[in-house]
Amino acid sequence: MQKSQIKKVGNCWLLRFYEPVVEAGRTVKLQKTVKLNINPEARTDRAQADAARAAADLILAPINARSACGS
């Protein structure tokens, strides 16, 4: 399972992580940054951070599942 970074920039929440990609027969990890869509009704920073973590978990689940299989 990989570590990721969630950061608030202005009013946006960003997720930064590494995604394995096959290039020329080799697997390399490319850094990606994705804007997280969170519930606009989350008013406090704590509620927004919890919503951001939940959104990040949805994005990272398939990547972590593949890395757990050894692919």
PDB file of N, CA and C in Angstrom:
ATOM      1  N   MET A   1       0.839  -1.169   0.000  1.00  0.00           N
ATOM      2  CA  MET A   1       0.000   0.000   0.000  1.00  0.00           C
ATOM      3  C   MET A   1       0.883   1.231   0.000  1.00  0.00           C
ATOM      4  N   GLN A   2       0.587   2.134  -0.889  1.00  0.00           N
ATOM      5  CA  GLN A   2       1.412   3.313  -1.000  1.00  0.00           C
ATOM      6  C   GLN A   2       0.926   4.450  -0.118  1.00  0.00           C
ATOM      7  N   LYS A   3       1.845   5.300   0.221  1.00  0.00           N
ATOM      8  CA  LYS A   3       1.506   6.511   0.952  1.00  0.00           C
ATOM      9  C   LYS A   3       1.137   7.567  -0.079  1.00  0.00           C
ATOM     10  N   SER A   4       0.256   8.446   0.302  1.00  0.00           N
ATOM     11  CA  SER A   4      -0.115   9.537  -0.582  1.00  0.00           C
ATOM     12  C   SER A   4      -0.113  10.818   0.234  1.00  0.00           C
ATOM     13  N   GLN A   5      -0.244  11.923  -0.468  1.00  0.00           N
ATOM     14  CA  GLN A   5      -0.245  13.208   0.200  1.00  0.00           C
ATOM     15  C   GLN A   5      -1.500  13.957  -0.199  1.00  0.00           C
ATOM     16  N   ILE A   6      -2.237  14.435   0.799  1.00  0.00           N
ATOM     17  CA  ILE A   6      -3.418  15.254   0.565  1.00  0.00           C
ATOM     18  C   ILE A   6      -3.093  16.646   1.088  1.00  0.00           C
ATOM     19  N   LYS A   7      -3.376  17.627   0.249  1.00  0.00           N
ATOM     20  CA  LYS A   7      -3.006  18.987   0.603  1.00  0.00           C
ATOM     21  C   LYS A   7      -4.114  19.947   0.199  1.00  0.00           C
ATOM     22  N   LYS A   8      -4.377  20.934   1.037  1.00  0.00           N
ATOM     23  CA  LYS A   8      -5.366  21.952   0.704  1.00  0.00           C
ATOM     24  C   LYS A   8      -4.630  23.148   0.116  1.00  0.00           C
ATOM     25  N   VAL A   9      -5.036  23.533  -1.095  1.00  0.00           N
ATOM     26  CA  VAL A   9      -4.460  24.692  -1.769  1.00  0.00           C
ATOM     27  C   VAL A   9      -5.617  25.629  -2.105  1.00  0.00           C
ATOM     28  N   GLY A  10      -5.708  26.722  -1.383  1.00  0.00           N
ATOM     29  CA  GLY A  10      -6.843  27.621  -1.558  1.00  0.00           C
ATOM     30  C   GLY A  10      -8.107  26.927  -1.085  1.00  0.00           C
ATOM     31  N   ASN A  11      -9.074  26.795  -1.974  1.00  0.00           N
ATOM     32  CA  ASN A  11     -10.318  26.092  -1.654  1.00  0.00           C
ATOM     33  C   ASN A  11     -10.338  24.671  -2.196  1.00  0.00           C
ATOM     34  N   CYS A  12      -9.251  24.241  -2.828  1.00  0.00           N
ATOM     35  CA  CYS A  12      -9.183  22.924  -3.453  1.00  0.00           C
ATOM     36  C   CYS A  12      -8.385  21.954  -2.595  1.00  0.00           C
ATOM     37  N   TRP A  13      -8.752  20.687  -2.679  1.00  0.00           N
ATOM     38  CA  TRP A  13      -8.001  19.603  -2.038  1.00  0.00           C
ATOM     39  C   TRP A  13      -7.350  18.797  -3.139  1.00  0.00           C
ATOM     40  N   LEU A  14      -6.035  18.565  -3.019  1.00  0.00           N
ATOM     41  CA  LEU A  14      -5.267  17.845  -4.030  1.00  0.00           C
ATOM     42  C   LEU A  14      -4.698  16.557  -3.449  1.00  0.00           C
ATOM     43  N   LEU A  15      -4.674  15.530  -4.273  1.00  0.00           N
ATOM     44  CA  LEU A  15      -4.078  14.239  -3.916  1.00  0.00           C
ATOM     45  C   LEU A  15      -2.861  14.036  -4.804  1.00  0.00           C
ATOM     46  N   ARG A  16      -1.708  13.765  -4.178  1.00  0.00           N
ATOM     47  CA  ARG A  16      -0.487  13.471  -4.930  1.00  0.00           C
ATOM     48  C   ARG A  16      -0.067  12.049  -4.601  1.00  0.00           C
ATOM     49  N   PHE A  17       0.182  11.265  -5.664  1.00  0.00           N
ATOM     50  CA  PHE A  17       0.543   9.856  -5.484  1.00  0.00           C
ATOM     51  C   PHE A  17       1.357   9.399  -6.678  1.00  0.00           C
ATOM     52  N   TYR A  18       1.899   8.198  -6.586  1.00  0.00           N
ATOM     53  CA  TYR A  18       2.655   7.592  -7.682  1.00  0.00           C
ATOM     54  C   TYR A  18       1.828   6.478  -8.294  1.00  0.00           C
ATOM     55  N   GLU A  19       1.761   6.475  -9.622  1.00  0.00           N
ATOM     56  CA  GLU A  19       1.017   5.439 -10.343  1.00  0.00           C
ATOM     57  C   GLU A  19       1.990   4.635 -11.201  1.00  0.00           C
ATOM     58  N   PRO A  20       1.977   3.306 -11.069  1.00  0.00           N
ATOM     59  CA  PRO A  20       2.864   2.490 -11.910  1.00  0.00           C
ATOM     60  C   PRO A  20       2.363   2.450 -13.356  1.00  0.00           C
ATOM     61  N   VAL A  21       3.290   2.685 -14.288  1.00  0.00           N
ATOM     62  CA  VAL A  21       2.977   2.695 -15.720  1.00  0.00           C
ATOM     63  C   VAL A  21       4.040   1.872 -16.432  1.00  0.00           C
ATOM     64  N   VAL A  22       3.628   1.083 -17.418  1.00  0.00           N
ATOM     65  CA  VAL A  22       4.568   0.276 -18.187  1.00  0.00           C
ATOM     66  C   VAL A  22       5.038   1.094 -19.385  1.00  0.00           C
ATOM     67  N   GLU A  23       6.360   1.327 -19.438  1.00  0.00           N
ATOM     68  CA  GLU A  23       6.975   2.027 -20.568  1.00  0.00           C
ATOM     69  C   GLU A  23       8.135   1.196 -21.086  1.00  0.00           C
ATOM     70  N   ALA A  24       8.096   0.864 -22.348  1.00  0.00           N
ATOM     71  CA  ALA A  24       9.161   0.094 -23.006  1.00  0.00           C
ATOM     72  C   ALA A  24       9.455  -1.201 -22.260  1.00  0.00           C
ATOM     73  N   GLY A  25       8.408  -1.854 -21.780  1.00  0.00           N
ATOM     74  CA  GLY A  25       8.568  -3.138 -21.118  1.00  0.00           C
ATOM     75  C   GLY A  25       8.983  -3.057 -19.661  1.00  0.00           C
ATOM     76  N   ARG A  26       9.158  -1.865 -19.141  1.00  0.00           N
ATOM     77  CA  ARG A  26       9.543  -1.692 -17.740  1.00  0.00           C
ATOM     78  C   ARG A  26       8.443  -0.946 -16.997  1.00  0.00           C
ATOM     79  N   THR A  27       8.288  -1.250 -15.741  1.00  0.00           N
ATOM     80  CA  THR A  27       7.322  -0.544 -14.918  1.00  0.00           C
ATOM     81  C   THR A  27       8.017   0.618 -14.228  1.00  0.00           C
ATOM     82  N   VAL A  28       7.497   1.812 -14.462  1.00  0.00           N
ATOM     83  CA  VAL A  28       8.023   3.011 -13.818  1.00  0.00           C
ATOM     84  C   VAL A  28       6.880   3.666 -13.050  1.00  0.00           C
ATOM     85  N   LYS A  29       7.230   4.420 -12.045  1.00  0.00           N
ATOM     86  CA  LYS A  29       6.217   5.104 -11.248  1.00  0.00           C
ATOM     87  C   LYS A  29       6.213   6.581 -11.618  1.00  0.00           C
ATOM     88  N   LEU A  30       5.054   7.045 -12.060  1.00  0.00           N
ATOM     89  CA  LEU A  30       4.894   8.443 -12.423  1.00  0.00           C
ATOM     90  C   LEU A  30       4.101   9.159 -11.335  1.00  0.00           C
ATOM     91  N   GLN A  31       4.565  10.348 -10.988  1.00  0.00           N
ATOM     92  CA  GLN A  31       3.851  11.121  -9.981  1.00  0.00           C
ATOM     93  C   GLN A  31       2.644  11.789 -10.625  1.00  0.00           C
ATOM     94  N   LYS A  32       1.497  11.683  -9.964  1.00  0.00           N
ATOM     95  CA  LYS A  32       0.268  12.283 -10.459  1.00  0.00           C
ATOM     96  C   LYS A  32      -0.331  13.151  -9.368  1.00  0.00           C
ATOM     97  N   THR A  33      -1.005  14.205  -9.771  1.00  0.00           N
ATOM     98  CA  THR A  33      -1.749  15.058  -8.857  1.00  0.00           C
ATOM     99  C   THR A  33      -3.172  15.149  -9.380  1.00  0.00           C
ATOM    100  N   VAL A  34      -4.139  14.917  -8.489  1.00  0.00           N
ATOM    101  CA  VAL A  34      -5.546  14.904  -8.854  1.00  0.00           C
ATOM    102  C   VAL A  34      -6.309  15.823  -7.910  1.00  0.00           C
ATOM    103  N   LYS A  35      -7.201  16.633  -8.475  1.00  0.00           N
ATOM    104  CA  LYS A  35      -8.074  17.472  -7.651  1.00  0.00           C
ATOM    105  C   LYS A  35      -9.203  16.595  -7.122  1.00  0.00           C
ATOM    106  N   LEU A  36      -9.423  16.650  -5.818  1.00  0.00           N
ATOM    107  CA  LEU A  36     -10.445  15.824  -5.193  1.00  0.00           C
ATOM    108  C   LEU A  36     -11.780  16.558  -5.160  1.00  0.00           C
ATOM    109  N   ASN A  37     -12.839  15.857  -5.539  1.00  0.00           N
ATOM    110  CA  ASN A  37     -14.186  16.407  -5.430  1.00  0.00           C
ATOM    111  C   ASN A  37     -14.748  15.982  -4.086  1.00  0.00           C
ATOM    112  N   ILE A  38     -15.008  16.961  -3.238  1.00  0.00           N
ATOM    113  CA  ILE A  38     -15.534  16.649  -1.917  1.00  0.00           C
ATOM    114  C   ILE A  38     -16.916  17.251  -1.764  1.00  0.00           C
ATOM    115  N   ASN A  39     -17.615  16.819  -0.739  1.00  0.00           N
ATOM    116  CA  ASN A  39     -18.961  17.277  -0.451  1.00  0.00           C
ATOM    117  C   ASN A  39     -18.937  18.768  -0.127  1.00  0.00           C
ATOM    118  N   PRO A  40     -19.668  19.597  -0.878  1.00  0.00           N
ATOM    119  CA  PRO A  40     -19.648  21.032  -0.601  1.00  0.00           C
ATOM    120  C   PRO A  40     -20.321  21.403   0.723  1.00  0.00           C
ATOM    121  N   GLU A  41     -21.054  20.482   1.308  1.00  0.00           N
ATOM    122  CA  GLU A  41     -21.711  20.754   2.586  1.00  0.00           C
ATOM    123  C   GLU A  41     -20.763  20.595   3.771  1.00  0.00           C
ATOM    124  N   ALA A  42     -19.564  20.079   3.534  1.00  0.00           N
ATOM    125  CA  ALA A  42     -18.573  19.952   4.606  1.00  0.00           C
ATOM    126  C   ALA A  42     -18.031  21.347   4.891  1.00  0.00           C
ATOM    127  N   ARG A  43     -18.387  21.890   6.040  1.00  0.00           N
ATOM    128  CA  ARG A  43     -18.070  23.293   6.336  1.00  0.00           C
ATOM    129  C   ARG A  43     -16.723  23.476   7.028  1.00  0.00           C
ATOM    130  N   THR A  44     -16.386  22.601   7.947  1.00  0.00           N
ATOM    131  CA  THR A  44     -15.155  22.783   8.711  1.00  0.00           C
ATOM    132  C   THR A  44     -13.981  22.135   7.987  1.00  0.00           C
ATOM    133  N   ASP A  45     -12.791  22.575   8.323  1.00  0.00           N
ATOM    134  CA  ASP A  45     -11.599  21.977   7.711  1.00  0.00           C
ATOM    135  C   ASP A  45     -11.493  20.496   8.050  1.00  0.00           C
ATOM    136  N   ARG A  46     -11.886  20.124   9.258  1.00  0.00           N
ATOM    137  CA  ARG A  46     -11.828  18.716   9.665  1.00  0.00           C
ATOM    138  C   ARG A  46     -12.782  17.867   8.821  1.00  0.00           C
ATOM    139  N   ALA A  47     -13.997  18.366   8.605  1.00  0.00           N
ATOM    140  CA  ALA A  47     -14.971  17.634   7.789  1.00  0.00           C
ATOM    141  C   ALA A  47     -14.501  17.553   6.337  1.00  0.00           C
ATOM    142  N   GLN A  48     -13.890  18.622   5.837  1.00  0.00           N
ATOM    143  CA  GLN A  48     -13.370  18.614   4.474  1.00  0.00           C
ATOM    144  C   GLN A  48     -12.204  17.640   4.351  1.00  0.00           C
ATOM    145  N   ALA A  49     -11.339  17.601   5.363  1.00  0.00           N
ATOM    146  CA  ALA A  49     -10.203  16.676   5.335  1.00  0.00           C
ATOM    147  C   ALA A  49     -10.679  15.232   5.357  1.00  0.00           C
ATOM    148  N   ASP A  50     -11.707  14.940   6.159  1.00  0.00           N
ATOM    149  CA  ASP A  50     -12.260  13.585   6.191  1.00  0.00           C
ATOM    150  C   ASP A  50     -12.862  13.208   4.841  1.00  0.00           C
ATOM    151  N   ALA A  51     -13.572  14.153   4.212  1.00  0.00           N
ATOM    152  CA  ALA A  51     -14.158  13.902   2.895  1.00  0.00           C
ATOM    153  C   ALA A  51     -13.069  13.723   1.840  1.00  0.00           C
ATOM    154  N   ALA A  52     -11.992  14.495   1.952  1.00  0.00           N
ATOM    155  CA  ALA A  52     -10.878  14.370   1.017  1.00  0.00           C
ATOM    156  C   ALA A  52     -10.206  13.009   1.157  1.00  0.00           C
ATOM    157  N   ARG A  53     -10.026  12.525   2.389  1.00  0.00           N
ATOM    158  CA  ARG A  53      -9.407  11.214   2.619  1.00  0.00           C
ATOM    159  C   ARG A  53     -10.283  10.110   2.032  1.00  0.00           C
ATOM    160  N   ALA A  54     -11.608  10.232   2.188  1.00  0.00           N
ATOM    161  CA  ALA A  54     -12.520   9.231   1.628  1.00  0.00           C
ATOM    162  C   ALA A  54     -12.440   9.226   0.095  1.00  0.00           C
ATOM    163  N   ALA A  55     -12.377  10.413  -0.505  1.00  0.00           N
ATOM    164  CA  ALA A  55     -12.267  10.502  -1.961  1.00  0.00           C
ATOM    165  C   ALA A  55     -10.923   9.933  -2.437  1.00  0.00           C
ATOM    166  N   ALA A  56      -9.867  10.196  -1.686  1.00  0.00           N
ATOM    167  CA  ALA A  56      -8.540   9.682  -2.036  1.00  0.00           C
ATOM    168  C   ALA A  56      -8.508   8.161  -1.949  1.00  0.00           C
ATOM    169  N   ASP A  57      -9.156   7.606  -0.947  1.00  0.00           N
ATOM    170  CA  ASP A  57      -9.198   6.148  -0.803  1.00  0.00           C
ATOM    171  C   ASP A  57      -9.862   5.491  -2.007  1.00  0.00           C
ATOM    172  N   LEU A  58     -10.893   6.144  -2.560  1.00  0.00           N
ATOM    173  CA  LEU A  58     -11.560   5.601  -3.755  1.00  0.00           C
ATOM    174  C   LEU A  58     -10.630   5.606  -4.963  1.00  0.00           C
ATOM    175  N   ILE A  59      -9.809   6.638  -5.083  1.00  0.00           N
ATOM    176  CA  ILE A  59      -8.876   6.729  -6.211  1.00  0.00           C
ATOM    177  C   ILE A  59      -7.734   5.735  -6.056  1.00  0.00           C
ATOM    178  N   LEU A  60      -7.233   5.579  -4.825  1.00  0.00           N
ATOM    179  CA  LEU A  60      -6.067   4.730  -4.590  1.00  0.00           C
ATOM    180  C   LEU A  60      -6.396   3.242  -4.478  1.00  0.00           C
ATOM    181  N   ALA A  61      -7.646   2.886  -4.259  1.00  0.00           N
ATOM    182  CA  ALA A  61      -8.017   1.484  -4.057  1.00  0.00           C
ATOM    183  C   ALA A  61      -7.586   0.581  -5.216  1.00  0.00           C
ATOM    184  N   PRO A  62      -7.873   0.922  -6.487  1.00  0.00           N
ATOM    185  CA  PRO A  62      -7.450   0.023  -7.565  1.00  0.00           C
ATOM    186  C   PRO A  62      -5.931  -0.043  -7.724  1.00  0.00           C
ATOM    187  N   ILE A  63      -5.247   1.052  -7.459  1.00  0.00           N
ATOM    188  CA  ILE A  63      -3.784   1.056  -7.574  1.00  0.00           C
ATOM    189  C   ILE A  63      -3.181   0.181  -6.484  1.00  0.00           C
ATOM    190  N   ASN A  64      -3.677   0.310  -5.284  1.00  0.00           N
ATOM    191  CA  ASN A  64      -3.164  -0.497  -4.173  1.00  0.00           C
ATOM    192  C   ASN A  64      -3.515  -1.975  -4.345  1.00  0.00           C
ATOM    193  N   ALA A  65      -4.667  -2.263  -4.937  1.00  0.00           N
ATOM    194  CA  ALA A  65      -5.059  -3.651  -5.179  1.00  0.00           C
ATOM    195  C   ALA A  65      -4.113  -4.307  -6.172  1.00  0.00           C
ATOM    196  N   ARG A  66      -3.713  -3.573  -7.211  1.00  0.00           N
ATOM    197  CA  ARG A  66      -2.774  -4.105  -8.200  1.00  0.00           C
ATOM    198  C   ARG A  66      -1.402  -4.316  -7.590  1.00  0.00           C
ATOM    199  N   SER A  67      -0.953  -3.389  -6.752  1.00  0.00           N
ATOM    200  CA  SER A  67       0.386  -3.526  -6.170  1.00  0.00           C
ATOM    201  C   SER A  67       0.414  -4.655  -5.142  1.00  0.00           C
ATOM    202  N   ALA A  68      -0.712  -4.949  -4.505  1.00  0.00           N
ATOM    203  CA  ALA A  68      -0.762  -6.048  -3.542  1.00  0.00           C
ATOM    204  C   ALA A  68      -0.666  -7.403  -4.248  1.00  0.00           C
ATOM    205  N   CYS A  69      -1.117  -7.443  -5.497  1.00  0.00           N
ATOM    206  CA  CYS A  69      -1.061  -8.687  -6.278  1.00  0.00           C
ATOM    207  C   CYS A  69       0.322  -8.921  -6.857  1.00  0.00           C
ATOM    208  N   GLY A  70       1.172  -7.906  -6.828  1.00  0.00           N
ATOM    209  CA  GLY A  70       2.501  -8.047  -7.387  1.00  0.00           C
ATOM    210  C   GLY A  70       2.576  -7.725  -8.856  1.00  0.00           C
ATOM    211  N   SER A  71       1.514  -7.148  -9.424  1.00  0.00           N
ATOM    212  CA  SER A  71       1.508  -6.794 -10.844  1.00  0.00           C
ATOM    213  C   SER A  71       2.086  -5.432 -11.068  1.00  0.00           C
TER     214      SER A  71
END
